[in-house]
Amino acid sequence: MGNPGGRAGAVAPEELPGRRRGTYLALRDDSREGRARTPSSGYYGAMRYNEKELQALSRQPAELAAELGMRAPKKGSVVKRRLVKLVVNFLFYFRTDEAEPVGALLLEHCRVTQEEPTSFSISFVEDPERKYHFECCSEEQCQQWMGALRGASYEFMRRSLIFYRNEIQKMTGKDPLEQFGISEEARFQLSGLKA
C-alpha cells in the first residue's frame, strides 16, 4: 500500500486490482467472498479486498471519529445513528453497539457536498445521484468532517506531496526526496505532474 504525505496505509486506487471508482465495501454478510458493491452497478463488482485487513485497518487510530446520523443511498432508507470513523482514505461506519464495521467507503473520486448547515453528502463520480447523507450535531462539526474527507483521498495526498516537493526544491535547490533514497524513476514520475 502507498504511503504519500506520511499517512500510513493510504491505498492508491491502482493498488486495488479490478477496482472501480466509488466503491462501497460491505464488510458483513455476502462480503466474506471478498467482493465489493459499486454504486453504479448496485451489485458486486470486481474489486478484491481482504476482509481481515480492512477490519484491522478499521481498528487503527482515527483521524476523525464521531456518532453521526447516516442515510444510505437506497430508496426508503432512514437516518440511523452510526459511529463513523475516518482512517486514512477509508470512511468506516459501525453500529453504535458493535466493534466491527458494517461497511466502508473508499474515498477516491468522490465529492463531498454540504446539503444543509449541519449535514453533508458523499457521492462518487460514476454515479453522482447516489448519495450517502450524514447529519452532524453542529455547523462546526459538519465543516470539520467535510474538510477532513476532502483531504483524505490518495490523489489529494499525492498532489500535496508533489506541490510541497516542488516548493522545497525551489527554495533549497535540492530534491527533498533524495535523502530518503527514492529512485530517480519515482522522482521523474512525480515531477511530470502539476500540483
N, C-alpha and C. Protein backbone atom coordinates (compact mmCIF):
# COMPACT_ATOMS: atom_id res chain seq x y z
N MET A 1 0.84 -1.19 0.00
CA MET A 1 0.00 0.00 0.00
C MET A 1 0.87 1.24 0.00
N GLY A 2 0.42 2.28 -0.67
CA GLY A 2 1.19 3.51 -0.76
C GLY A 2 1.21 4.25 0.56
N ASN A 3 2.12 5.21 0.67
CA ASN A 3 2.22 5.99 1.90
C ASN A 3 2.57 7.43 1.58
N PRO A 4 1.72 8.14 0.83
CA PRO A 4 2.03 9.52 0.50
C PRO A 4 1.80 10.43 1.67
N GLY A 5 2.56 11.48 1.74
CA GLY A 5 2.36 12.50 2.75
C GLY A 5 2.48 12.00 4.17
N GLY A 6 3.15 10.87 4.38
CA GLY A 6 3.38 10.37 5.72
C GLY A 6 2.16 9.76 6.37
N ARG A 7 1.09 9.51 5.64
CA ARG A 7 -0.11 8.93 6.23
C ARG A 7 -0.08 7.44 5.98
N ALA A 8 0.23 6.69 6.99
CA ALA A 8 0.42 5.25 6.88
C ALA A 8 -0.83 4.57 6.34
N GLY A 9 -0.61 3.67 5.40
CA GLY A 9 -1.67 2.81 4.92
C GLY A 9 -2.55 3.37 3.83
N ALA A 10 -2.27 4.52 3.26
CA ALA A 10 -3.11 5.05 2.20
C ALA A 10 -3.12 4.09 1.04
N VAL A 11 -4.27 3.88 0.47
CA VAL A 11 -4.41 2.92 -0.61
C VAL A 11 -4.52 3.68 -1.92
N ALA A 12 -3.57 3.44 -2.81
CA ALA A 12 -3.64 4.03 -4.14
C ALA A 12 -4.67 3.26 -4.94
N PRO A 13 -5.53 3.95 -5.69
CA PRO A 13 -6.55 3.25 -6.45
C PRO A 13 -5.98 2.16 -7.35
N GLU A 14 -4.82 2.40 -7.94
CA GLU A 14 -4.24 1.40 -8.83
C GLU A 14 -3.72 0.18 -8.09
N GLU A 15 -3.62 0.27 -6.75
CA GLU A 15 -3.16 -0.88 -5.97
C GLU A 15 -4.28 -1.85 -5.68
N LEU A 16 -5.51 -1.50 -6.03
CA LEU A 16 -6.64 -2.37 -5.80
C LEU A 16 -7.02 -3.03 -7.12
N PRO A 17 -6.69 -4.32 -7.30
CA PRO A 17 -6.94 -4.99 -8.57
C PRO A 17 -8.41 -4.93 -8.95
N GLY A 18 -8.67 -4.53 -10.17
CA GLY A 18 -10.03 -4.51 -10.68
C GLY A 18 -10.93 -3.48 -10.03
N ARG A 19 -10.38 -2.53 -9.30
CA ARG A 19 -11.15 -1.56 -8.54
C ARG A 19 -11.95 -0.65 -9.46
N ARG A 20 -13.16 -0.40 -9.08
CA ARG A 20 -13.98 0.57 -9.78
C ARG A 20 -14.08 1.81 -8.93
N ARG A 21 -14.30 2.93 -9.54
CA ARG A 21 -14.42 4.19 -8.80
C ARG A 21 -15.68 4.16 -7.94
N GLY A 22 -15.60 4.82 -6.79
CA GLY A 22 -16.76 4.95 -5.93
C GLY A 22 -17.17 3.64 -5.32
N THR A 23 -16.28 2.99 -4.64
CA THR A 23 -16.56 1.65 -4.15
C THR A 23 -17.08 1.64 -2.74
N TYR A 24 -18.16 0.91 -2.54
CA TYR A 24 -18.75 0.67 -1.23
C TYR A 24 -18.35 -0.74 -0.83
N LEU A 25 -17.78 -0.89 0.34
CA LEU A 25 -17.35 -2.20 0.79
C LEU A 25 -18.27 -2.67 1.90
N ALA A 26 -19.01 -3.73 1.62
CA ALA A 26 -19.84 -4.33 2.66
C ALA A 26 -18.97 -5.31 3.41
N LEU A 27 -18.83 -5.14 4.70
CA LEU A 27 -17.93 -5.99 5.46
C LEU A 27 -18.66 -7.10 6.20
N ARG A 28 -19.91 -7.30 5.87
CA ARG A 28 -20.69 -8.35 6.51
C ARG A 28 -21.46 -9.11 5.45
N ASP A 29 -22.14 -10.14 5.85
CA ASP A 29 -23.00 -10.95 5.01
C ASP A 29 -22.24 -11.49 3.80
N ASP A 30 -22.62 -11.07 2.58
CA ASP A 30 -22.03 -11.63 1.36
C ASP A 30 -20.57 -11.25 1.15
N SER A 31 -20.06 -10.32 1.95
CA SER A 31 -18.70 -9.82 1.73
C SER A 31 -17.63 -10.85 2.04
N ARG A 32 -17.99 -11.94 2.66
CA ARG A 32 -16.98 -12.95 3.00
C ARG A 32 -16.27 -13.47 1.76
N GLU A 33 -16.90 -13.33 0.63
CA GLU A 33 -16.29 -13.79 -0.61
C GLU A 33 -15.28 -12.79 -1.17
N GLY A 34 -15.16 -11.64 -0.55
CA GLY A 34 -14.16 -10.66 -0.97
C GLY A 34 -14.54 -9.87 -2.20
N ARG A 35 -15.82 -9.62 -2.38
CA ARG A 35 -16.26 -8.79 -3.49
C ARG A 35 -16.82 -7.49 -2.95
N ALA A 36 -16.85 -6.49 -3.77
CA ALA A 36 -17.34 -5.18 -3.32
C ALA A 36 -18.48 -4.71 -4.19
N ARG A 37 -19.41 -4.01 -3.57
CA ARG A 37 -20.53 -3.44 -4.29
C ARG A 37 -20.11 -2.07 -4.80
N THR A 38 -20.43 -1.76 -6.04
CA THR A 38 -20.10 -0.44 -6.57
C THR A 38 -21.40 0.35 -6.75
N PRO A 39 -21.36 1.66 -6.50
CA PRO A 39 -22.58 2.45 -6.61
C PRO A 39 -23.24 2.38 -7.97
N SER A 40 -22.46 2.34 -9.04
CA SER A 40 -23.07 2.36 -10.36
C SER A 40 -23.75 1.05 -10.71
N SER A 41 -23.20 -0.07 -10.24
CA SER A 41 -23.79 -1.34 -10.59
C SER A 41 -24.89 -1.73 -9.63
N GLY A 42 -24.79 -1.25 -8.36
CA GLY A 42 -25.76 -1.66 -7.36
C GLY A 42 -25.55 -3.10 -6.94
N TYR A 43 -24.59 -3.77 -7.52
CA TYR A 43 -24.30 -5.15 -7.14
C TYR A 43 -22.81 -5.30 -6.97
N TYR A 44 -22.34 -6.49 -6.88
CA TYR A 44 -20.94 -6.71 -6.59
C TYR A 44 -20.08 -6.55 -7.83
N GLY A 45 -19.00 -5.78 -7.70
CA GLY A 45 -18.08 -5.53 -8.79
C GLY A 45 -16.86 -6.42 -8.68
N ALA A 46 -15.81 -6.05 -9.38
CA ALA A 46 -14.62 -6.89 -9.49
C ALA A 46 -13.53 -6.55 -8.48
N MET A 47 -13.77 -5.57 -7.60
CA MET A 47 -12.72 -5.22 -6.65
C MET A 47 -12.49 -6.36 -5.66
N ARG A 48 -11.24 -6.68 -5.46
CA ARG A 48 -10.88 -7.69 -4.47
C ARG A 48 -10.29 -7.00 -3.26
N TYR A 49 -10.59 -7.50 -2.09
CA TYR A 49 -10.01 -6.95 -0.87
C TYR A 49 -9.96 -8.06 0.16
N ASN A 50 -9.15 -7.85 1.16
CA ASN A 50 -9.01 -8.80 2.24
C ASN A 50 -9.80 -8.28 3.42
N GLU A 51 -10.87 -8.96 3.77
CA GLU A 51 -11.77 -8.51 4.83
C GLU A 51 -11.04 -8.34 6.16
N LYS A 52 -10.13 -9.26 6.49
CA LYS A 52 -9.41 -9.16 7.76
C LYS A 52 -8.51 -7.93 7.79
N GLU A 53 -7.85 -7.61 6.66
CA GLU A 53 -7.01 -6.41 6.62
C GLU A 53 -7.84 -5.15 6.78
N LEU A 54 -9.01 -5.11 6.13
CA LEU A 54 -9.87 -3.94 6.27
C LEU A 54 -10.37 -3.81 7.71
N GLN A 55 -10.73 -4.91 8.33
CA GLN A 55 -11.17 -4.84 9.72
C GLN A 55 -10.04 -4.39 10.63
N ALA A 56 -8.82 -4.86 10.35
CA ALA A 56 -7.66 -4.40 11.13
C ALA A 56 -7.44 -2.91 10.92
N LEU A 57 -7.58 -2.43 9.68
CA LEU A 57 -7.43 -1.01 9.39
C LEU A 57 -8.50 -0.21 10.15
N SER A 58 -9.70 -0.75 10.24
CA SER A 58 -10.79 -0.04 10.93
C SER A 58 -10.51 0.14 12.42
N ARG A 59 -9.60 -0.67 12.98
CA ARG A 59 -9.26 -0.57 14.40
C ARG A 59 -8.08 0.38 14.65
N GLN A 60 -7.49 0.91 13.59
CA GLN A 60 -6.38 1.85 13.74
C GLN A 60 -6.90 3.18 14.27
N PRO A 61 -6.01 3.99 14.86
CA PRO A 61 -6.46 5.30 15.35
C PRO A 61 -7.07 6.13 14.21
N ALA A 62 -8.19 6.74 14.51
CA ALA A 62 -8.91 7.52 13.51
C ALA A 62 -8.39 8.94 13.44
N GLU A 63 -8.41 9.50 12.25
CA GLU A 63 -8.11 10.92 12.09
C GLU A 63 -9.30 11.75 12.57
N LEU A 64 -10.49 11.14 12.48
CA LEU A 64 -11.71 11.79 12.94
C LEU A 64 -12.72 10.67 13.20
N ALA A 65 -13.47 10.78 14.29
CA ALA A 65 -14.50 9.79 14.61
C ALA A 65 -15.60 10.47 15.40
N ALA A 66 -16.83 10.07 15.14
CA ALA A 66 -17.98 10.61 15.87
C ALA A 66 -19.21 9.79 15.55
N GLU A 67 -20.21 9.92 16.40
CA GLU A 67 -21.53 9.36 16.09
C GLU A 67 -22.25 10.39 15.24
N LEU A 68 -22.65 9.96 14.06
CA LEU A 68 -23.37 10.84 13.13
C LEU A 68 -24.64 10.13 12.68
N GLY A 69 -25.60 10.91 12.22
CA GLY A 69 -26.74 10.32 11.54
C GLY A 69 -26.28 9.96 10.14
N MET A 70 -26.66 8.78 9.66
CA MET A 70 -26.24 8.34 8.33
C MET A 70 -27.44 7.74 7.60
N ARG A 71 -27.59 8.14 6.35
CA ARG A 71 -28.64 7.57 5.50
C ARG A 71 -27.97 7.06 4.23
N ALA A 72 -28.17 5.79 3.96
CA ALA A 72 -27.60 5.17 2.76
C ALA A 72 -28.38 5.64 1.52
N PRO A 73 -27.82 5.45 0.33
CA PRO A 73 -28.48 5.92 -0.88
C PRO A 73 -29.67 5.06 -1.33
N LYS A 74 -29.98 3.99 -0.63
CA LYS A 74 -31.11 3.14 -1.02
C LYS A 74 -32.42 3.89 -0.89
N LYS A 75 -33.36 3.59 -1.77
CA LYS A 75 -34.69 4.19 -1.69
C LYS A 75 -35.36 3.77 -0.40
N GLY A 76 -35.98 4.71 0.27
CA GLY A 76 -36.68 4.41 1.51
C GLY A 76 -35.77 4.28 2.71
N SER A 77 -34.49 4.55 2.54
CA SER A 77 -33.54 4.45 3.64
C SER A 77 -33.83 5.54 4.66
N VAL A 78 -33.66 5.20 5.93
CA VAL A 78 -33.88 6.17 7.01
C VAL A 78 -32.55 6.51 7.67
N VAL A 79 -32.53 7.63 8.37
CA VAL A 79 -31.32 8.05 9.08
C VAL A 79 -31.12 7.14 10.29
N LYS A 80 -29.91 6.61 10.42
CA LYS A 80 -29.55 5.76 11.56
C LYS A 80 -28.31 6.34 12.21
N ARG A 81 -28.22 6.21 13.54
CA ARG A 81 -27.02 6.65 14.24
C ARG A 81 -25.93 5.63 13.98
N ARG A 82 -24.77 6.12 13.53
CA ARG A 82 -23.63 5.26 13.26
C ARG A 82 -22.39 5.91 13.84
N LEU A 83 -21.48 5.07 14.33
CA LEU A 83 -20.15 5.56 14.66
C LEU A 83 -19.41 5.61 13.33
N VAL A 84 -18.98 6.79 12.94
CA VAL A 84 -18.29 6.99 11.66
C VAL A 84 -16.84 7.32 11.98
N LYS A 85 -15.94 6.63 11.27
CA LYS A 85 -14.51 6.73 11.60
C LYS A 85 -13.70 6.88 10.30
N LEU A 86 -12.94 7.96 10.22
CA LEU A 86 -12.07 8.21 9.07
C LEU A 86 -10.67 7.68 9.38
N VAL A 87 -10.24 6.69 8.62
CA VAL A 87 -8.90 6.12 8.78
C VAL A 87 -8.25 6.16 7.40
N VAL A 88 -7.26 7.02 7.25
CA VAL A 88 -6.53 7.26 6.00
C VAL A 88 -7.54 7.64 4.93
N ASN A 89 -7.77 6.81 3.91
CA ASN A 89 -8.72 7.18 2.86
C ASN A 89 -9.95 6.25 2.85
N PHE A 90 -10.27 5.69 4.01
CA PHE A 90 -11.48 4.89 4.18
C PHE A 90 -12.36 5.55 5.22
N LEU A 91 -13.66 5.58 4.95
CA LEU A 91 -14.63 6.03 5.92
C LEU A 91 -15.39 4.79 6.38
N PHE A 92 -15.09 4.32 7.58
CA PHE A 92 -15.74 3.15 8.14
C PHE A 92 -16.97 3.60 8.92
N TYR A 93 -18.01 2.77 8.92
CA TYR A 93 -19.15 3.06 9.77
C TYR A 93 -19.58 1.79 10.49
N PHE A 94 -19.97 1.99 11.75
CA PHE A 94 -20.27 0.91 12.68
C PHE A 94 -21.65 1.12 13.28
N ARG A 95 -22.30 0.04 13.67
CA ARG A 95 -23.45 0.17 14.55
C ARG A 95 -22.88 0.67 15.88
N THR A 96 -23.63 1.48 16.57
CA THR A 96 -23.08 2.12 17.78
C THR A 96 -22.76 1.13 18.89
N ASP A 97 -23.32 -0.05 18.84
CA ASP A 97 -23.08 -1.03 19.90
C ASP A 97 -22.18 -2.20 19.46
N GLU A 98 -21.50 -2.07 18.33
CA GLU A 98 -20.67 -3.15 17.82
C GLU A 98 -19.26 -2.67 17.50
N ALA A 99 -18.30 -3.59 17.60
CA ALA A 99 -16.89 -3.25 17.37
C ALA A 99 -16.45 -3.43 15.92
N GLU A 100 -17.16 -4.26 15.17
CA GLU A 100 -16.79 -4.50 13.77
C GLU A 100 -17.57 -3.57 12.85
N PRO A 101 -16.95 -3.05 11.79
CA PRO A 101 -17.66 -2.13 10.89
C PRO A 101 -18.75 -2.83 10.09
N VAL A 102 -19.80 -2.09 9.82
CA VAL A 102 -20.87 -2.56 8.95
C VAL A 102 -20.43 -2.43 7.50
N GLY A 103 -19.68 -1.36 7.20
CA GLY A 103 -19.23 -1.10 5.84
C GLY A 103 -18.19 0.00 5.82
N ALA A 104 -17.75 0.31 4.61
CA ALA A 104 -16.73 1.34 4.44
C ALA A 104 -16.87 1.96 3.06
N LEU A 105 -16.47 3.21 2.98
CA LEU A 105 -16.42 3.91 1.69
C LEU A 105 -14.96 4.24 1.41
N LEU A 106 -14.48 3.85 0.24
CA LEU A 106 -13.14 4.21 -0.20
C LEU A 106 -13.26 5.60 -0.82
N LEU A 107 -12.61 6.59 -0.21
CA LEU A 107 -12.80 7.98 -0.57
C LEU A 107 -11.91 8.39 -1.75
N GLU A 108 -12.16 7.80 -2.87
CA GLU A 108 -11.47 8.14 -4.12
C GLU A 108 -12.50 8.52 -5.16
N HIS A 109 -12.19 9.54 -5.93
CA HIS A 109 -13.09 10.01 -7.00
C HIS A 109 -14.48 10.28 -6.45
N CYS A 110 -14.51 10.97 -5.31
CA CYS A 110 -15.79 11.29 -4.69
C CYS A 110 -15.92 12.79 -4.50
N ARG A 111 -17.14 13.21 -4.25
CA ARG A 111 -17.44 14.62 -4.00
C ARG A 111 -18.14 14.73 -2.65
N VAL A 112 -17.65 15.63 -1.83
CA VAL A 112 -18.25 15.91 -0.52
C VAL A 112 -18.99 17.24 -0.66
N THR A 113 -20.30 17.22 -0.40
CA THR A 113 -21.13 18.39 -0.62
C THR A 113 -21.92 18.72 0.63
N GLN A 114 -21.95 20.01 1.00
CA GLN A 114 -22.78 20.43 2.13
C GLN A 114 -24.22 20.50 1.64
N GLU A 115 -25.10 19.79 2.34
CA GLU A 115 -26.52 19.76 1.96
C GLU A 115 -27.31 20.81 2.74
N GLU A 116 -27.04 20.91 4.04
CA GLU A 116 -27.67 21.86 4.95
C GLU A 116 -26.57 22.34 5.89
N PRO A 117 -26.84 23.33 6.74
CA PRO A 117 -25.76 23.79 7.63
C PRO A 117 -25.13 22.70 8.48
N THR A 118 -25.91 21.66 8.84
CA THR A 118 -25.36 20.61 9.69
C THR A 118 -25.34 19.24 9.02
N SER A 119 -25.43 19.20 7.70
CA SER A 119 -25.38 17.90 7.02
C SER A 119 -24.60 18.00 5.72
N PHE A 120 -24.03 16.87 5.32
CA PHE A 120 -23.26 16.78 4.07
C PHE A 120 -23.54 15.43 3.42
N SER A 121 -23.12 15.31 2.18
CA SER A 121 -23.28 14.04 1.47
C SER A 121 -21.98 13.69 0.77
N ILE A 122 -21.84 12.41 0.49
CA ILE A 122 -20.72 11.90 -0.30
C ILE A 122 -21.32 11.20 -1.50
N SER A 123 -20.85 11.59 -2.68
CA SER A 123 -21.27 10.90 -3.91
C SER A 123 -20.01 10.59 -4.72
N PHE A 124 -20.13 9.69 -5.65
CA PHE A 124 -18.99 9.27 -6.44
C PHE A 124 -19.15 9.70 -7.89
N VAL A 125 -18.04 9.94 -8.55
CA VAL A 125 -18.02 10.47 -9.91
C VAL A 125 -18.87 9.63 -10.85
N GLU A 126 -18.81 8.32 -10.72
CA GLU A 126 -19.54 7.44 -11.63
C GLU A 126 -21.05 7.56 -11.51
N ASP A 127 -21.54 7.90 -10.32
CA ASP A 127 -22.97 7.94 -10.08
C ASP A 127 -23.30 9.06 -9.10
N PRO A 128 -23.25 10.32 -9.55
CA PRO A 128 -23.39 11.46 -8.63
C PRO A 128 -24.76 11.57 -7.96
N GLU A 129 -25.78 10.92 -8.50
CA GLU A 129 -27.11 10.99 -7.90
C GLU A 129 -27.24 10.07 -6.68
N ARG A 130 -26.37 9.10 -6.58
CA ARG A 130 -26.39 8.14 -5.46
C ARG A 130 -25.55 8.73 -4.33
N LYS A 131 -26.21 9.20 -3.28
CA LYS A 131 -25.51 9.93 -2.22
C LYS A 131 -25.66 9.24 -0.86
N TYR A 132 -24.58 9.29 -0.09
CA TYR A 132 -24.58 8.88 1.30
C TYR A 132 -24.71 10.17 2.11
N HIS A 133 -25.76 10.29 2.92
CA HIS A 133 -26.02 11.51 3.69
C HIS A 133 -25.58 11.34 5.14
N PHE A 134 -25.00 12.39 5.69
CA PHE A 134 -24.53 12.39 7.07
C PHE A 134 -25.04 13.64 7.78
N GLU A 135 -25.53 13.45 9.01
CA GLU A 135 -26.04 14.56 9.81
C GLU A 135 -25.14 14.75 11.03
N CYS A 136 -24.69 15.98 11.21
CA CYS A 136 -23.79 16.33 12.33
C CYS A 136 -24.57 17.04 13.43
N CYS A 137 -23.92 17.23 14.57
CA CYS A 137 -24.54 17.92 15.71
C CYS A 137 -24.47 19.43 15.59
N SER A 138 -23.52 19.95 14.81
CA SER A 138 -23.35 21.40 14.70
C SER A 138 -22.74 21.75 13.34
N GLU A 139 -22.80 23.03 13.01
CA GLU A 139 -22.19 23.50 11.77
C GLU A 139 -20.67 23.30 11.81
N GLU A 140 -20.06 23.54 12.99
CA GLU A 140 -18.60 23.37 13.12
C GLU A 140 -18.19 21.92 12.87
N GLN A 141 -18.96 21.00 13.43
CA GLN A 141 -18.65 19.58 13.23
C GLN A 141 -18.81 19.22 11.75
N CYS A 142 -19.82 19.76 11.11
CA CYS A 142 -20.04 19.49 9.69
C CYS A 142 -18.86 19.99 8.86
N GLN A 143 -18.39 21.21 9.13
CA GLN A 143 -17.25 21.77 8.41
C GLN A 143 -15.98 20.95 8.65
N GLN A 144 -15.80 20.51 9.89
CA GLN A 144 -14.63 19.69 10.22
C GLN A 144 -14.64 18.38 9.44
N TRP A 145 -15.78 17.72 9.38
CA TRP A 145 -15.87 16.46 8.64
C TRP A 145 -15.66 16.67 7.14
N MET A 146 -16.28 17.70 6.59
CA MET A 146 -16.13 17.93 5.15
C MET A 146 -14.67 18.21 4.80
N GLY A 147 -13.97 19.01 5.59
CA GLY A 147 -12.56 19.29 5.33
C GLY A 147 -11.70 18.04 5.41
N ALA A 148 -11.94 17.24 6.44
CA ALA A 148 -11.15 16.01 6.61
C ALA A 148 -11.41 15.02 5.47
N LEU A 149 -12.65 14.89 5.05
CA LEU A 149 -12.98 13.95 3.97
C LEU A 149 -12.40 14.40 2.64
N ARG A 150 -12.43 15.70 2.38
CA ARG A 150 -11.88 16.21 1.12
C ARG A 150 -10.37 16.01 1.04
N GLY A 151 -9.69 16.03 2.17
CA GLY A 151 -8.24 15.85 2.19
C GLY A 151 -7.79 14.41 2.37
N ALA A 152 -8.73 13.48 2.39
CA ALA A 152 -8.39 12.09 2.71
C ALA A 152 -8.03 11.23 1.50
N SER A 153 -8.29 11.66 0.30
CA SER A 153 -8.05 10.79 -0.85
C SER A 153 -6.56 10.64 -1.16
N TYR A 154 -6.22 9.52 -1.70
CA TYR A 154 -4.85 9.25 -2.12
C TYR A 154 -4.39 10.31 -3.13
N GLU A 155 -5.25 10.66 -4.06
CA GLU A 155 -4.89 11.63 -5.09
C GLU A 155 -4.60 13.00 -4.48
N PHE A 156 -5.39 13.42 -3.48
CA PHE A 156 -5.13 14.69 -2.80
C PHE A 156 -3.77 14.66 -2.11
N MET A 157 -3.49 13.55 -1.40
CA MET A 157 -2.21 13.43 -0.71
C MET A 157 -1.05 13.43 -1.70
N ARG A 158 -1.23 12.76 -2.82
CA ARG A 158 -0.18 12.69 -3.84
C ARG A 158 0.10 14.08 -4.43
N ARG A 159 -0.95 14.80 -4.73
CA ARG A 159 -0.79 16.15 -5.28
C ARG A 159 -0.14 17.09 -4.25
N SER A 160 -0.48 16.92 -2.98
CA SER A 160 0.14 17.72 -1.92
C SER A 160 1.63 17.43 -1.84
N LEU A 161 1.99 16.16 -1.92
CA LEU A 161 3.40 15.77 -1.89
C LEU A 161 4.15 16.42 -3.06
N ILE A 162 3.57 16.38 -4.23
CA ILE A 162 4.20 16.97 -5.42
C ILE A 162 4.37 18.47 -5.24
N PHE A 163 3.31 19.14 -4.76
CA PHE A 163 3.37 20.59 -4.57
C PHE A 163 4.48 20.97 -3.59
N TYR A 164 4.48 20.33 -2.40
CA TYR A 164 5.47 20.69 -1.39
C TYR A 164 6.88 20.29 -1.80
N ARG A 165 7.02 19.20 -2.51
CA ARG A 165 8.35 18.81 -3.02
C ARG A 165 8.88 19.89 -3.95
N ASN A 166 8.03 20.36 -4.86
CA ASN A 166 8.46 21.40 -5.80
C ASN A 166 8.78 22.71 -5.10
N GLU A 167 7.98 23.08 -4.08
CA GLU A 167 8.24 24.32 -3.34
C GLU A 167 9.58 24.24 -2.60
N ILE A 168 9.85 23.11 -1.95
CA ILE A 168 11.12 22.94 -1.22
C ILE A 168 12.29 22.96 -2.19
N GLN A 169 12.10 22.33 -3.34
CA GLN A 169 13.17 22.30 -4.34
C GLN A 169 13.47 23.71 -4.87
N LYS A 170 12.44 24.54 -5.04
CA LYS A 170 12.65 25.93 -5.47
C LYS A 170 13.43 26.72 -4.41
N MET A 171 13.10 26.49 -3.14
CA MET A 171 13.73 27.24 -2.05
C MET A 171 15.16 26.80 -1.77
N THR A 172 15.43 25.50 -1.86
CA THR A 172 16.73 24.98 -1.46
C THR A 172 17.62 24.57 -2.61
N GLY A 173 17.02 24.35 -3.78
CA GLY A 173 17.79 23.86 -4.92
C GLY A 173 18.06 22.36 -4.85
N LYS A 174 17.54 21.69 -3.83
CA LYS A 174 17.73 20.25 -3.67
C LYS A 174 16.40 19.53 -3.68
N ASP A 175 16.43 18.31 -4.18
CA ASP A 175 15.24 17.46 -4.16
C ASP A 175 15.11 16.87 -2.76
N PRO A 176 14.04 17.20 -2.01
CA PRO A 176 13.92 16.70 -0.64
C PRO A 176 13.71 15.19 -0.56
N LEU A 177 13.32 14.56 -1.64
CA LEU A 177 13.08 13.12 -1.62
C LEU A 177 14.37 12.32 -1.79
N GLU A 178 15.41 12.97 -2.25
CA GLU A 178 16.68 12.29 -2.50
C GLU A 178 17.24 11.66 -1.22
N GLN A 179 17.12 12.36 -0.10
CA GLN A 179 17.67 11.85 1.16
C GLN A 179 16.96 10.59 1.65
N PHE A 180 15.78 10.30 1.12
CA PHE A 180 15.04 9.11 1.53
C PHE A 180 15.27 7.94 0.58
N GLY A 181 16.17 8.11 -0.38
CA GLY A 181 16.51 7.04 -1.30
C GLY A 181 15.42 6.73 -2.31
N ILE A 182 14.57 7.71 -2.59
CA ILE A 182 13.54 7.49 -3.59
C ILE A 182 14.20 7.53 -4.95
N SER A 183 13.91 6.52 -5.74
CA SER A 183 14.60 6.34 -7.01
C SER A 183 14.40 7.51 -7.96
N GLU A 184 15.34 7.65 -8.87
CA GLU A 184 15.27 8.70 -9.89
C GLU A 184 13.99 8.52 -10.71
N GLU A 185 13.62 7.27 -10.97
CA GLU A 185 12.42 6.99 -11.75
C GLU A 185 11.18 7.51 -11.03
N ALA A 186 11.09 7.28 -9.72
CA ALA A 186 9.94 7.76 -8.95
C ALA A 186 9.91 9.28 -8.92
N ARG A 187 11.07 9.92 -8.78
CA ARG A 187 11.11 11.39 -8.78
C ARG A 187 10.68 11.92 -10.14
N PHE A 188 11.03 11.20 -11.20
CA PHE A 188 10.62 11.60 -12.55
C PHE A 188 9.10 11.54 -12.66
N GLN A 189 8.49 10.50 -12.13
CA GLN A 189 7.04 10.36 -12.19
C GLN A 189 6.38 11.50 -11.45
N LEU A 190 6.92 11.89 -10.31
CA LEU A 190 6.35 12.98 -9.55
C LEU A 190 6.51 14.32 -10.26
N SER A 191 7.68 14.54 -10.86
CA SER A 191 7.92 15.85 -11.47
C SER A 191 7.13 16.05 -12.76
N GLY A 192 6.62 14.99 -13.33
CA GLY A 192 5.82 15.12 -14.55
C GLY A 192 4.42 15.60 -14.29
N LEU A 193 4.03 15.72 -13.02
CA LEU A 193 2.67 16.12 -12.67
C LEU A 193 2.66 17.54 -12.14
N LYS A 194 1.58 18.21 -12.40
CA LYS A 194 1.39 19.56 -11.89
C LYS A 194 0.49 19.49 -10.67
N ALA A 195 0.86 20.18 -9.62
CA ALA A 195 0.06 20.16 -8.38
C ALA A 195 -1.20 20.97 -8.55
